[in-house]
């Protein structure tokens, strides 16, 4: 495994620093997302938002944060189930990401083919 900056192998210190930063970023993102959801739900429960306003805020939340990776791979199954092992969830996540990558590559190929046909037709 080589670093992207050069061809030197990653050191244990590189990995430690990467992990520290990754945890910091994931936790900050989770904090922002939880605060965002809590803000509009609390406002709705306190009567400060109408049902329509709450629905609009929820829609904005969904647009901002997108689908959660676990939600996509679990297809409605709850991650609180005790019989679902972390490994099974990670396997499903890897498979979903591969499908998305393949779908993206196929889309780009179709766009390239259409652009080529358009150029030849001009």
PDB file of N, CA and C in Angstrom:
ATOM      1  N   UNK A   1       0.845  -1.174   0.000  1.00  0.00           N
ATOM      2  CA  UNK A   1       0.000   0.000   0.000  1.00  0.00           C
ATOM      3  C   UNK A   1       0.885   1.229   0.000  1.00  0.00           C
ATOM      4  N   UNK A   2       0.786   2.042  -1.025  1.00  0.00           N
ATOM      5  CA  UNK A   2       1.627   3.231  -1.134  1.00  0.00           C
ATOM      6  C   UNK A   2       0.780   4.477  -0.920  1.00  0.00           C
ATOM      7  N   UNK A   3       1.418   5.513  -0.411  1.00  0.00           N
ATOM      8  CA  UNK A   3       0.697   6.763  -0.208  1.00  0.00           C
ATOM      9  C   UNK A   3       0.486   7.437  -1.560  1.00  0.00           C
ATOM     10  N   UNK A   4      -0.485   8.336  -1.627  1.00  0.00           N
ATOM     11  CA  UNK A   4      -0.766   9.011  -2.888  1.00  0.00           C
ATOM     12  C   UNK A   4       0.265  10.101  -3.186  1.00  0.00           C
ATOM     13  N   UNK A   5       0.988  10.574  -2.164  1.00  0.00           N
ATOM     14  CA  UNK A   5       1.963  11.642  -2.368  1.00  0.00           C
ATOM     15  C   UNK A   5       3.215  11.151  -3.073  1.00  0.00           C
ATOM     16  N   UNK A   6       3.621   9.937  -2.786  1.00  0.00           N
ATOM     17  CA  UNK A   6       4.826   9.389  -3.407  1.00  0.00           C
ATOM     18  C   UNK A   6       4.751   7.868  -3.353  1.00  0.00           C
ATOM     19  N   UNK A   7       5.828   7.226  -3.765  1.00  0.00           N
ATOM     20  CA  UNK A   7       5.829   5.765  -3.819  1.00  0.00           C
ATOM     21  C   UNK A   7       6.349   5.119  -2.539  1.00  0.00           C
ATOM     22  N   UNK A   8       6.568   5.909  -1.499  1.00  0.00           N
ATOM     23  CA  UNK A   8       7.027   5.337  -0.229  1.00  0.00           C
ATOM     24  C   UNK A   8       5.872   4.613   0.445  1.00  0.00           C
ATOM     25  N   UNK A   9       6.164   3.483   1.078  1.00  0.00           N
ATOM     26  CA  UNK A   9       5.094   2.768   1.802  1.00  0.00           C
ATOM     27  C   UNK A   9       4.599   3.609   2.977  1.00  0.00           C
ATOM     28  N   UNK A  10       3.343   3.415   3.315  1.00  0.00           N
ATOM     29  CA  UNK A  10       2.778   4.099   4.473  1.00  0.00           C
ATOM     30  C   UNK A  10       3.435   3.573   5.745  1.00  0.00           C
ATOM     31  N   UNK A  11       3.699   4.472   6.643  1.00  0.00           N
ATOM     32  CA  UNK A  11       4.291   4.094   7.927  1.00  0.00           C
ATOM     33  C   UNK A  11       3.187   3.880   8.949  1.00  0.00           C
ATOM     34  N   UNK A  12       3.500   3.232  10.055  1.00  0.00           N
ATOM     35  CA  UNK A  12       2.506   3.129  11.126  1.00  0.00           C
ATOM     36  C   UNK A  12       2.015   4.512  11.579  1.00  0.00           C
ATOM     37  N   UNK A  13       2.906   5.497  11.596  1.00  0.00           N
ATOM     38  CA  UNK A  13       2.494   6.854  11.981  1.00  0.00           C
ATOM     39  C   UNK A  13       1.531   7.445  10.956  1.00  0.00           C
ATOM     40  N   UNK A  14       1.761   7.204   9.661  1.00  0.00           N
ATOM     41  CA  UNK A  14       0.827   7.658   8.629  1.00  0.00           C
ATOM     42  C   UNK A  14      -0.560   7.079   8.883  1.00  0.00           C
ATOM     43  N   UNK A  15      -0.596   5.796   9.172  1.00  0.00           N
ATOM     44  CA  UNK A  15      -1.871   5.127   9.403  1.00  0.00           C
ATOM     45  C   UNK A  15      -2.549   5.652  10.664  1.00  0.00           C
ATOM     46  N   UNK A  16      -1.779   5.892  11.708  1.00  0.00           N
ATOM     47  CA  UNK A  16      -2.335   6.414  12.955  1.00  0.00           C
ATOM     48  C   UNK A  16      -2.952   7.790  12.708  1.00  0.00           C
ATOM     49  N   UNK A  17      -2.241   8.635  11.974  1.00  0.00           N
ATOM     50  CA  UNK A  17      -2.744   9.973  11.679  1.00  0.00           C
ATOM     51  C   UNK A  17      -3.982   9.922  10.788  1.00  0.00           C
ATOM     52  N   UNK A  18      -3.969   9.015   9.806  1.00  0.00           N
ATOM     53  CA  UNK A  18      -5.139   8.857   8.944  1.00  0.00           C
ATOM     54  C   UNK A  18      -6.354   8.448   9.780  1.00  0.00           C
ATOM     55  N   UNK A  19      -6.167   7.487  10.673  1.00  0.00           N
ATOM     56  CA  UNK A  19      -7.268   7.015  11.508  1.00  0.00           C
ATOM     57  C   UNK A  19      -7.783   8.133  12.407  1.00  0.00           C
ATOM     58  N   UNK A  20      -6.882   8.889  12.993  1.00  0.00           N
ATOM     59  CA  UNK A  20      -7.290  10.007  13.844  1.00  0.00           C
ATOM     60  C   UNK A  20      -8.156  10.982  13.060  1.00  0.00           C
ATOM     61  N   UNK A  21      -7.716  11.339  11.847  1.00  0.00           N
ATOM     62  CA  UNK A  21      -8.474  12.275  11.026  1.00  0.00           C
ATOM     63  C   UNK A  21      -9.797  11.679  10.559  1.00  0.00           C
ATOM     64  N   UNK A  22      -9.792  10.410  10.199  1.00  0.00           N
ATOM     65  CA  UNK A  22     -11.017   9.747   9.745  1.00  0.00           C
ATOM     66  C   UNK A  22     -12.063   9.731  10.851  1.00  0.00           C
ATOM     67  N   UNK A  23     -11.650   9.392  12.059  1.00  0.00           N
ATOM     68  CA  UNK A  23     -12.578   9.380  13.197  1.00  0.00           C
ATOM     69  C   UNK A  23     -13.107  10.790  13.440  1.00  0.00           C
ATOM     70  N   UNK A  24     -12.235  11.762  13.389  1.00  0.00           N
ATOM     71  CA  UNK A  24     -12.652  13.160  13.603  1.00  0.00           C
ATOM     72  C   UNK A  24     -13.686  13.577  12.553  1.00  0.00           C
ATOM     73  N   UNK A  25     -13.444  13.244  11.291  1.00  0.00           N
ATOM     74  CA  UNK A  25     -14.374  13.626  10.225  1.00  0.00           C
ATOM     75  C   UNK A  25     -15.715  12.906  10.345  1.00  0.00           C
ATOM     76  N   UNK A  26     -15.667  11.614  10.616  1.00  0.00           N
ATOM     77  CA  UNK A  26     -16.908  10.842  10.750  1.00  0.00           C
ATOM     78  C   UNK A  26     -17.732  11.346  11.934  1.00  0.00           C
ATOM     79  N   UNK A  27     -17.081  11.612  13.041  1.00  0.00           N
ATOM     80  CA  UNK A  27     -17.788  12.082  14.228  1.00  0.00           C
ATOM     81  C   UNK A  27     -18.363  13.480  14.005  1.00  0.00           C
ATOM     82  N   UNK A  28     -17.639  14.354  13.332  1.00  0.00           N
ATOM     83  CA  UNK A  28     -18.147  15.697  13.042  1.00  0.00           C
ATOM     84  C   UNK A  28     -19.362  15.615  12.128  1.00  0.00           C
ATOM     85  N   UNK A  29     -19.278  14.771  11.095  1.00  0.00           N
ATOM     86  CA  UNK A  29     -20.413  14.603  10.184  1.00  0.00           C
ATOM     87  C   UNK A  29     -21.630  14.057  10.932  1.00  0.00           C
ATOM     88  N   UNK A  30     -21.413  13.073  11.799  1.00  0.00           N
ATOM     89  CA  UNK A  30     -22.520  12.510  12.586  1.00  0.00           C
ATOM     90  C   UNK A  30     -23.117  13.572  13.493  1.00  0.00           C
ATOM     91  N   UNK A  31     -22.275  14.361  14.124  1.00  0.00           N
ATOM     92  CA  UNK A  31     -22.733  15.420  15.011  1.00  0.00           C
ATOM     93  C   UNK A  31     -23.596  16.435  14.242  1.00  0.00           C
ATOM     94  N   UNK A  32     -23.114  16.862  13.077  1.00  0.00           N
ATOM     95  CA  UNK A  32     -23.878  17.810  12.264  1.00  0.00           C
ATOM     96  C   UNK A  32     -25.228  17.228  11.841  1.00  0.00           C
ATOM     97  N   UNK A  33     -25.223  15.976  11.433  1.00  0.00           N
ATOM     98  CA  UNK A  33     -26.447  15.337  10.962  1.00  0.00           C
ATOM     99  C   UNK A  33     -27.451  15.159  12.100  1.00  0.00           C
ATOM    100  N   UNK A  34     -26.981  14.733  13.250  1.00  0.00           N
ATOM    101  CA  UNK A  34     -27.865  14.555  14.405  1.00  0.00           C
ATOM    102  C   UNK A  34     -28.443  15.897  14.845  1.00  0.00           C
ATOM    103  N   UNK A  35     -27.601  16.932  14.896  1.00  0.00           N
ATOM    104  CA  UNK A  35     -28.081  18.256  15.290  1.00  0.00           C
ATOM    105  C   UNK A  35     -29.103  18.798  14.304  1.00  0.00           C
ATOM    106  N   UNK A  36     -28.870  18.568  13.018  1.00  0.00           N
ATOM    107  CA  UNK A  36     -29.800  19.020  11.991  1.00  0.00           C
ATOM    108  C   UNK A  36     -31.169  18.361  12.188  1.00  0.00           C
ATOM    109  N   UNK A  37     -31.188  17.053  12.351  1.00  0.00           N
ATOM    110  CA  UNK A  37     -32.450  16.325  12.550  1.00  0.00           C
ATOM    111  C   UNK A  37     -33.125  16.734  13.855  1.00  0.00           C
ATOM    112  N   UNK A  38     -32.343  16.833  14.911  1.00  0.00           N
ATOM    113  CA  UNK A  38     -32.894  17.186  16.220  1.00  0.00           C
ATOM    114  C   UNK A  38     -33.526  18.574  16.193  1.00  0.00           C
ATOM    115  N   UNK A  39     -32.907  19.493  15.480  1.00  0.00           N
ATOM    116  CA  UNK A  39     -33.395  20.865  15.413  1.00  0.00           C
ATOM    117  C   UNK A  39     -34.819  20.930  14.871  1.00  0.00           C
ATOM    118  N   UNK A  40     -35.064  20.314  13.711  1.00  0.00           N
ATOM    119  CA  UNK A  40     -36.404  20.459  13.148  1.00  0.00           C
ATOM    120  C   UNK A  40     -37.436  19.566  13.829  1.00  0.00           C
ATOM    121  N   UNK A  41     -37.027  18.414  14.332  1.00  0.00           N
ATOM    122  CA  UNK A  41     -37.982  17.560  15.045  1.00  0.00           C
ATOM    123  C   UNK A  41     -38.394  18.230  16.359  1.00  0.00           C
ATOM    124  N   UNK A  42     -37.427  18.794  17.076  1.00  0.00           N
ATOM    125  CA  UNK A  42     -37.726  19.487  18.326  1.00  0.00           C
ATOM    126  C   UNK A  42     -38.642  20.683  18.073  1.00  0.00           C
ATOM    127  N   UNK A  43     -38.362  21.432  17.019  1.00  0.00           N
ATOM    128  CA  UNK A  43     -39.205  22.582  16.680  1.00  0.00           C
ATOM    129  C   UNK A  43     -40.628  22.127  16.356  1.00  0.00           C
ATOM    130  N   UNK A  44     -40.762  21.029  15.643  1.00  0.00           N
ATOM    131  CA  UNK A  44     -42.088  20.514  15.307  1.00  0.00           C
ATOM    132  C   UNK A  44     -42.822  20.053  16.569  1.00  0.00           C
ATOM    133  N   UNK A  45     -42.133  19.308  17.423  1.00  0.00           N
ATOM    134  CA  UNK A  45     -42.757  18.815  18.651  1.00  0.00           C
ATOM    135  C   UNK A  45     -43.161  19.952  19.582  1.00  0.00           C
ATOM    136  N   UNK A  46     -42.433  21.061  19.536  1.00  0.00           N
ATOM    137  CA  UNK A  46     -42.741  22.221  20.380  1.00  0.00           C
ATOM    138  C   UNK A  46     -43.816  23.105  19.754  1.00  0.00           C
ATOM    139  N   UNK A  47     -44.314  22.720  18.575  1.00  0.00           N
ATOM    140  CA  UNK A  47     -45.357  23.494  17.927  1.00  0.00           C
ATOM    141  C   UNK A  47     -44.841  24.711  17.175  1.00  0.00           C
ATOM    142  N   UNK A  48     -43.546  24.783  16.963  1.00  0.00           N
ATOM    143  CA  UNK A  48     -42.967  25.928  16.259  1.00  0.00           C
ATOM    144  C   UNK A  48     -42.980  25.750  14.744  1.00  0.00           C
ATOM    145  N   UNK A  49     -43.262  24.540  14.297  1.00  0.00           N
ATOM    146  CA  UNK A  49     -43.370  24.260  12.859  1.00  0.00           C
ATOM    147  C   UNK A  49     -44.708  23.586  12.590  1.00  0.00           C
ATOM    148  N   UNK A  50     -45.311  23.926  11.479  1.00  0.00           N
ATOM    149  CA  UNK A  50     -46.526  23.237  11.046  1.00  0.00           C
ATOM    150  C   UNK A  50     -46.128  21.881  10.463  1.00  0.00           C
ATOM    151  N   UNK A  51     -47.086  20.990  10.289  1.00  0.00           N
ATOM    152  CA  UNK A  51     -46.748  19.713   9.636  1.00  0.00           C
ATOM    153  C   UNK A  51     -46.115  19.920   8.249  1.00  0.00           C
ATOM    154  N   UNK A  52     -46.590  20.908   7.516  1.00  0.00           N
ATOM    155  CA  UNK A  52     -46.034  21.182   6.196  1.00  0.00           C
ATOM    156  C   UNK A  52     -44.594  21.679   6.295  1.00  0.00           C
ATOM    157  N   UNK A  53     -44.341  22.563   7.268  1.00  0.00           N
ATOM    158  CA  UNK A  53     -42.985  23.066   7.467  1.00  0.00           C
ATOM    159  C   UNK A  53     -42.042  21.944   7.895  1.00  0.00           C
ATOM    160  N   UNK A  54     -42.538  21.074   8.768  1.00  0.00           N
ATOM    161  CA  UNK A  54     -41.717  19.941   9.214  1.00  0.00           C
ATOM    162  C   UNK A  54     -41.394  19.019   8.043  1.00  0.00           C
ATOM    163  N   UNK A  55     -42.385  18.773   7.192  1.00  0.00           N
ATOM    164  CA  UNK A  55     -42.158  17.920   6.020  1.00  0.00           C
ATOM    165  C   UNK A  55     -41.146  18.571   5.076  1.00  0.00           C
ATOM    166  N   UNK A  56     -41.224  19.887   4.932  1.00  0.00           N
ATOM    167  CA  UNK A  56     -40.267  20.593   4.074  1.00  0.00           C
ATOM    168  C   UNK A  56     -38.858  20.510   4.659  1.00  0.00           C
ATOM    169  N   UNK A  57     -38.756  20.651   5.975  1.00  0.00           N
ATOM    170  CA  UNK A  57     -37.434  20.545   6.618  1.00  0.00           C
ATOM    171  C   UNK A  57     -36.882  19.126   6.489  1.00  0.00           C
ATOM    172  N   UNK A  58     -37.761  18.132   6.602  1.00  0.00           N
ATOM    173  CA  UNK A  58     -37.319  16.746   6.458  1.00  0.00           C
ATOM    174  C   UNK A  58     -36.842  16.497   5.033  1.00  0.00           C
ATOM    175  N   UNK A  59     -37.534  17.070   4.068  1.00  0.00           N
ATOM    176  CA  UNK A  59     -37.125  16.930   2.674  1.00  0.00           C
ATOM    177  C   UNK A  59     -35.759  17.580   2.456  1.00  0.00           C
ATOM    178  N   UNK A  60     -35.560  18.762   3.029  1.00  0.00           N
ATOM    179  CA  UNK A  60     -34.272  19.447   2.910  1.00  0.00           C
ATOM    180  C   UNK A  60     -33.170  18.623   3.583  1.00  0.00           C
ATOM    181  N   UNK A  61     -33.508  18.021   4.718  1.00  0.00           N
ATOM    182  CA  UNK A  61     -32.559  17.155   5.427  1.00  0.00           C
ATOM    183  C   UNK A  61     -32.142  15.995   4.528  1.00  0.00           C
ATOM    184  N   UNK A  62     -33.125  15.344   3.903  1.00  0.00           N
ATOM    185  CA  UNK A  62     -32.828  14.223   3.010  1.00  0.00           C
ATOM    186  C   UNK A  62     -31.969  14.650   1.834  1.00  0.00           C
ATOM    187  N   UNK A  63     -32.254  15.829   1.274  1.00  0.00           N
ATOM    188  CA  UNK A  63     -31.443  16.332   0.167  1.00  0.00           C
ATOM    189  C   UNK A  63     -30.019  16.616   0.621  1.00  0.00           C
ATOM    190  N   UNK A  64     -29.891  17.185   1.808  1.00  0.00           N
ATOM    191  CA  UNK A  64     -28.564  17.545   2.323  1.00  0.00           C
ATOM    192  C   UNK A  64     -27.732  16.322   2.629  1.00  0.00           C
ATOM    193  N   UNK A  65     -28.312  15.368   3.313  1.00  0.00           N
ATOM    194  CA  UNK A  65     -27.530  14.247   3.829  1.00  0.00           C
ATOM    195  C   UNK A  65     -27.607  13.003   2.951  1.00  0.00           C
ATOM    196  N   UNK A  66     -28.581  12.919   2.062  1.00  0.00           N
ATOM    197  CA  UNK A  66     -28.678  11.755   1.182  1.00  0.00           C
ATOM    198  C   UNK A  66     -29.055  10.488   1.936  1.00  0.00           C
ATOM    199  N   UNK A  67     -29.069   9.403   1.194  1.00  0.00           N
ATOM    200  CA  UNK A  67     -29.386   8.121   1.807  1.00  0.00           C
ATOM    201  C   UNK A  67     -28.206   7.634   2.628  1.00  0.00           C
ATOM    202  N   UNK A  68     -28.530   7.087   3.766  1.00  0.00           N
ATOM    203  CA  UNK A  68     -27.481   6.515   4.599  1.00  0.00           C
ATOM    204  C   UNK A  68     -27.056   5.180   4.006  1.00  0.00           C
ATOM    205  N   UNK A  69     -25.770   4.931   4.033  1.00  0.00           N
ATOM    206  CA  UNK A  69     -25.237   3.701   3.445  1.00  0.00           C
ATOM    207  C   UNK A  69     -25.908   2.470   4.044  1.00  0.00           C
ATOM    208  N   UNK A  70     -26.085   2.448   5.350  1.00  0.00           N
ATOM    209  CA  UNK A  70     -26.697   1.270   5.976  1.00  0.00           C
ATOM    210  C   UNK A  70     -28.148   1.108   5.549  1.00  0.00           C
ATOM    211  N   UNK A  71     -28.854   2.212   5.384  1.00  0.00           N
ATOM    212  CA  UNK A  71     -30.245   2.151   4.960  1.00  0.00           C
ATOM    213  C   UNK A  71     -30.350   1.531   3.571  1.00  0.00           C
ATOM    214  N   UNK A  72     -29.429   1.893   2.703  1.00  0.00           N
ATOM    215  CA  UNK A  72     -29.434   1.370   1.336  1.00  0.00           C
ATOM    216  C   UNK A  72     -29.199  -0.133   1.345  1.00  0.00           C
ATOM    217  N   UNK A  73     -28.193  -0.595   2.061  1.00  0.00           N
ATOM    218  CA  UNK A  73     -27.845  -2.009   1.983  1.00  0.00           C
ATOM    219  C   UNK A  73     -28.768  -2.900   2.802  1.00  0.00           C
ATOM    220  N   UNK A  74     -29.439  -2.348   3.785  1.00  0.00           N
ATOM    221  CA  UNK A  74     -30.287  -3.182   4.632  1.00  0.00           C
ATOM    222  C   UNK A  74     -31.694  -3.342   4.058  1.00  0.00           C
ATOM    223  N   UNK A  75     -32.051  -2.530   3.063  1.00  0.00           N
ATOM    224  CA  UNK A  75     -33.361  -2.647   2.415  1.00  0.00           C
ATOM    225  C   UNK A  75     -34.500  -2.772   3.412  1.00  0.00           C
ATOM    226  N   UNK A  76     -34.538  -1.885   4.382  1.00  0.00           N
ATOM    227  CA  UNK A  76     -35.625  -1.892   5.346  1.00  0.00           C
ATOM    228  C   UNK A  76     -35.382  -2.768   6.563  1.00  0.00           C
ATOM    229  N   UNK A  77     -34.377  -3.639   6.515  1.00  0.00           N
ATOM    230  CA  UNK A  77     -34.064  -4.432   7.703  1.00  0.00           C
ATOM    231  C   UNK A  77     -33.449  -3.506   8.743  1.00  0.00           C
ATOM    232  N   UNK A  78     -33.698  -3.757   9.980  1.00  0.00           N
ATOM    233  CA  UNK A  78     -33.134  -2.902  11.007  1.00  0.00           C
ATOM    234  C   UNK A  78     -31.734  -3.359  11.389  1.00  0.00           C
ATOM    235  N   UNK A  79     -30.846  -2.403  11.597  1.00  0.00           N
ATOM    236  CA  UNK A  79     -29.488  -2.741  12.037  1.00  0.00           C
ATOM    237  C   UNK A  79     -29.461  -3.019  13.528  1.00  0.00           C
ATOM    238  N   UNK A  80     -30.598  -2.877  14.197  1.00  0.00           N
ATOM    239  CA  UNK A  80     -30.664  -3.188  15.627  1.00  0.00           C
ATOM    240  C   UNK A  80     -30.899  -4.676  15.875  1.00  0.00           C
ATOM    241  N   UNK A  81     -31.225  -5.399  14.801  1.00  0.00           N
ATOM    242  CA  UNK A  81     -31.427  -6.847  14.970  1.00  0.00           C
ATOM    243  C   UNK A  81     -30.142  -7.478  15.468  1.00  0.00           C
ATOM    244  N   UNK A  82     -30.256  -8.317  16.465  1.00  0.00           N
ATOM    245  CA  UNK A  82     -29.082  -8.946  17.051  1.00  0.00           C
ATOM    246  C   UNK A  82     -28.476 -10.021  16.151  1.00  0.00           C
ATOM    247  N   UNK A  83     -29.277 -10.573  15.228  1.00  0.00           N
ATOM    248  CA  UNK A  83     -28.772 -11.660  14.395  1.00  0.00           C
ATOM    249  C   UNK A  83     -28.046 -11.172  13.137  1.00  0.00           C
ATOM    250  N   UNK A  84     -27.941  -9.875  12.930  1.00  0.00           N
ATOM    251  CA  UNK A  84     -27.196  -9.362  11.783  1.00  0.00           C
ATOM    252  C   UNK A  84     -25.790  -9.004  12.254  1.00  0.00           C
ATOM    253  N   UNK A  85     -24.829  -9.746  11.758  1.00  0.00           N
ATOM    254  CA  UNK A  85     -23.435  -9.514  12.149  1.00  0.00           C
ATOM    255  C   UNK A  85     -22.889  -8.309  11.398  1.00  0.00           C
ATOM    256  N   UNK A  86     -21.963  -7.609  12.024  1.00  0.00           N
ATOM    257  CA  UNK A  86     -21.305  -6.478  11.368  1.00  0.00           C
ATOM    258  C   UNK A  86     -20.723  -6.898  10.026  1.00  0.00           C
ATOM    259  N   UNK A  87     -20.155  -8.098   9.981  1.00  0.00           N
ATOM    260  CA  UNK A  87     -19.540  -8.585   8.742  1.00  0.00           C
ATOM    261  C   UNK A  87     -20.574  -8.679   7.618  1.00  0.00           C
ATOM    262  N   UNK A  88     -21.784  -9.128   7.945  1.00  0.00           N
ATOM    263  CA  UNK A  88     -22.842  -9.224   6.936  1.00  0.00           C
ATOM    264  C   UNK A  88     -23.220  -7.833   6.418  1.00  0.00           C
ATOM    265  N   UNK A  89     -23.307  -6.864   7.301  1.00  0.00           N
ATOM    266  CA  UNK A  89     -23.626  -5.502   6.895  1.00  0.00           C
ATOM    267  C   UNK A  89     -22.528  -4.957   5.988  1.00  0.00           C
ATOM    268  N   UNK A  90     -21.267  -5.164   6.364  1.00  0.00           N
ATOM    269  CA  UNK A  90     -20.151  -4.680   5.557  1.00  0.00           C
ATOM    270  C   UNK A  90     -20.104  -5.361   4.190  1.00  0.00           C
ATOM    271  N   UNK A  91     -20.422  -6.643   4.143  1.00  0.00           N
ATOM    272  CA  UNK A  91     -20.467  -7.374   2.868  1.00  0.00           C
ATOM    273  C   UNK A  91     -21.541  -6.784   1.961  1.00  0.00           C
ATOM    274  N   UNK A  92     -22.718  -6.491   2.538  1.00  0.00           N
ATOM    275  CA  UNK A  92     -23.796  -5.880   1.760  1.00  0.00           C
ATOM    276  C   UNK A  92     -23.393  -4.490   1.286  1.00  0.00           C
ATOM    277  N   UNK A  93     -22.720  -3.727   2.130  1.00  0.00           N
ATOM    278  CA  UNK A  93     -22.284  -2.392   1.758  1.00  0.00           C
ATOM    279  C   UNK A  93     -21.285  -2.453   0.600  1.00  0.00           C
ATOM    280  N   UNK A  94     -20.322  -3.369   0.688  1.00  0.00           N
ATOM    281  CA  UNK A  94     -19.340  -3.527  -0.391  1.00  0.00           C
ATOM    282  C   UNK A  94     -20.023  -3.892  -1.706  1.00  0.00           C
ATOM    283  N   UNK A  95     -20.992  -4.793  -1.650  1.00  0.00           N
ATOM    284  CA  UNK A  95     -21.710  -5.214  -2.854  1.00  0.00           C
ATOM    285  C   UNK A  95     -22.496  -4.045  -3.443  1.00  0.00           C
ATOM    286  N   UNK A  96     -23.134  -3.248  -2.592  1.00  0.00           N
ATOM    287  CA  UNK A  96     -23.890  -2.089  -3.063  1.00  0.00           C
ATOM    288  C   UNK A  96     -22.973  -1.077  -3.731  1.00  0.00           C
ATOM    289  N   UNK A  97     -21.836  -0.794  -3.127  1.00  0.00           N
ATOM    290  CA  UNK A  97     -20.885   0.163  -3.710  1.00  0.00           C
ATOM    291  C   UNK A  97     -20.383  -0.342  -5.064  1.00  0.00           C
ATOM    292  N   UNK A  98     -20.158  -1.642  -5.192  1.00  0.00           N
ATOM    293  CA  UNK A  98     -19.703  -2.218  -6.460  1.00  0.00           C
ATOM    294  C   UNK A  98     -20.785  -2.050  -7.531  1.00  0.00           C
ATOM    295  N   UNK A  99     -22.055  -2.288  -7.145  1.00  0.00           N
ATOM    296  CA  UNK A  99     -23.161  -2.098  -8.097  1.00  0.00           C
ATOM    297  C   UNK A  99     -23.235  -0.641  -8.542  1.00  0.00           C
ATOM    298  N   UNK A 100     -23.051   0.288  -7.592  1.00  0.00           N
ATOM    299  CA  UNK A 100     -23.090   1.709  -7.932  1.00  0.00           C
ATOM    300  C   UNK A 100     -21.946   2.069  -8.875  1.00  0.00           C
ATOM    301  N   UNK A 101     -20.770   1.537  -8.614  1.00  0.00           N
ATOM    302  CA  UNK A 101     -19.603   1.801  -9.461  1.00  0.00           C
ATOM    303  C   UNK A 101     -19.838   1.272 -10.874  1.00  0.00           C
ATOM    304  N   UNK A 102     -20.354   0.055 -10.972  1.00  0.00           N
ATOM    305  CA  UNK A 102     -20.637  -0.550 -12.271  1.00  0.00           C
ATOM    306  C   UNK A 102     -21.695   0.260 -13.012  1.00  0.00           C
ATOM    307  N   UNK A 103     -22.721   0.673 -12.308  1.00  0.00           N
ATOM    308  CA  UNK A 103     -23.783   1.468 -12.912  1.00  0.00           C
ATOM    309  C   UNK A 103     -23.232   2.794 -13.417  1.00  0.00           C
ATOM    310  N   UNK A 104     -22.354   3.435 -12.646  1.00  0.00           N
ATOM    311  CA  UNK A 104     -21.741   4.701 -13.046  1.00  0.00           C
ATOM    312  C   UNK A 104     -20.900   4.503 -14.306  1.00  0.00           C
ATOM    313  N   UNK A 105     -20.100   3.442 -14.323  1.00  0.00           N
ATOM    314  CA  UNK A 105     -19.248   3.175 -15.481  1.00  0.00           C
ATOM    315  C   UNK A 105     -20.091   2.908 -16.726  1.00  0.00           C
ATOM    316  N   UNK A 106     -21.176   2.167 -16.557  1.00  0.00           N
ATOM    317  CA  UNK A 106     -22.056   1.898 -17.692  1.00  0.00           C
ATOM    318  C   UNK A 106     -22.711   3.178 -18.194  1.00  0.00           C
ATOM    319  N   UNK A 107     -23.116   4.046 -17.279  1.00  0.00           N
ATOM    320  CA  UNK A 107     -23.719   5.326 -17.668  1.00  0.00           C
ATOM    321  C   UNK A 107     -22.726   6.181 -18.438  1.00  0.00           C
ATOM    322  N   UNK A 108     -21.503   6.255 -17.964  1.00  0.00           N
ATOM    323  CA  UNK A 108     -20.474   7.049 -18.636  1.00  0.00           C
ATOM    324  C   UNK A 108     -20.166   6.482 -20.021  1.00  0.00           C
ATOM    325  N   UNK A 109     -20.185   5.162 -20.139  1.00  0.00           N
ATOM    326  CA  UNK A 109     -19.944   4.518 -21.423  1.00  0.00           C
ATOM    327  C   UNK A 109     -21.067   4.870 -22.402  1.00  0.00           C
ATOM    328  N   UNK A 110     -22.317   4.831 -21.935  1.00  0.00           N
ATOM    329  CA  UNK A 110     -23.448   5.185 -22.800  1.00  0.00           C
ATOM    330  C   UNK A 110     -23.358   6.649 -23.234  1.00  0.00           C
ATOM    331  N   UNK A 111     -22.983   7.522 -22.314  1.00  0.00           N
ATOM    332  CA  UNK A 111     -22.843   8.940 -22.656  1.00  0.00           C
ATOM    333  C   UNK A 111     -21.744   9.105 -23.702  1.00  0.00           C
ATOM    334  N   UNK A 112     -20.632   8.405 -23.520  1.00  0.00           N
ATOM    335  CA  UNK A 112     -19.536   8.463 -24.494  1.00  0.00           C
ATOM    336  C   UNK A 112     -19.984   7.970 -25.846  1.00  0.00           C
ATOM    337  N   UNK A 113     -20.744   6.881 -25.875  1.00  0.00           N
ATOM    338  CA  UNK A 113     -21.242   6.347 -27.146  1.00  0.00           C
ATOM    339  C   UNK A 113     -22.184   7.337 -27.826  1.00  0.00           C
ATOM    340  N   UNK A 114     -23.082   7.965 -27.038  1.00  0.00           N
ATOM    341  CA  UNK A 114     -23.987   8.938 -27.616  1.00  0.00           C
ATOM    342  C   UNK A 114     -23.234  10.155 -28.137  1.00  0.00           C
ATOM    343  N   UNK A 115     -22.217  10.602 -27.406  1.00  0.00           N
ATOM    344  CA  UNK A 115     -21.426  11.749 -27.865  1.00  0.00           C
ATOM    345  C   UNK A 115     -20.697  11.404 -29.157  1.00  0.00           C
ATOM    346  N   UNK A 116     -20.174  10.183 -29.249  1.00  0.00           N
ATOM    347  CA  UNK A 116     -19.480   9.760 -30.458  1.00  0.00           C
ATOM    348  C   UNK A 116     -20.428   9.719 -31.654  1.00  0.00           C
ATOM    349  N   UNK A 117     -21.637   9.213 -31.455  1.00  0.00           N
ATOM    350  CA  UNK A 117     -22.629   9.167 -32.526  1.00  0.00           C
ATOM    351  C   UNK A 117     -23.021  10.575 -32.957  1.00  0.00           C
ATOM    352  N   UNK A 118     -23.133  11.473 -31.964  1.00  0.00           N
ATOM    353  CA  UNK A 118     -23.497  12.855 -32.263  1.00  0.00           C
ATOM    354  C   UNK A 118     -22.413  13.537 -33.099  1.00  0.00           C
ATOM    355  N   UNK A 119     -21.150  13.313 -32.739  1.00  0.00           N
ATOM    356  CA  UNK A 119     -20.030  13.931 -33.466  1.00  0.00           C
ATOM    357  C   UNK A 119     -19.948  13.382 -34.896  1.00  0.00           C
ATOM    358  N   UNK A 120     -20.166  12.070 -35.047  1.00  0.00           N
ATOM    359  CA  UNK A 120     -20.114  11.477 -36.386  1.00  0.00           C
ATOM    360  C   UNK A 120     -21.275  11.963 -37.248  1.00  0.00           C
ATOM    361  N   UNK A 121     -22.401  12.252 -36.599  1.00  0.00           N
ATOM    362  CA  UNK A 121     -23.587  12.699 -37.333  1.00  0.00           C
ATOM    363  C   UNK A 121     -23.524  14.164 -37.718  1.00  0.00           C
ATOM    364  N   UNK A 122     -22.609  14.924 -37.113  1.00  0.00           N
ATOM    365  CA  UNK A 122     -22.503  16.369 -37.400  1.00  0.00           C
ATOM    366  C   UNK A 122     -21.722  16.639 -38.643  1.00  0.00           C
TER     367      UNK A 122
END
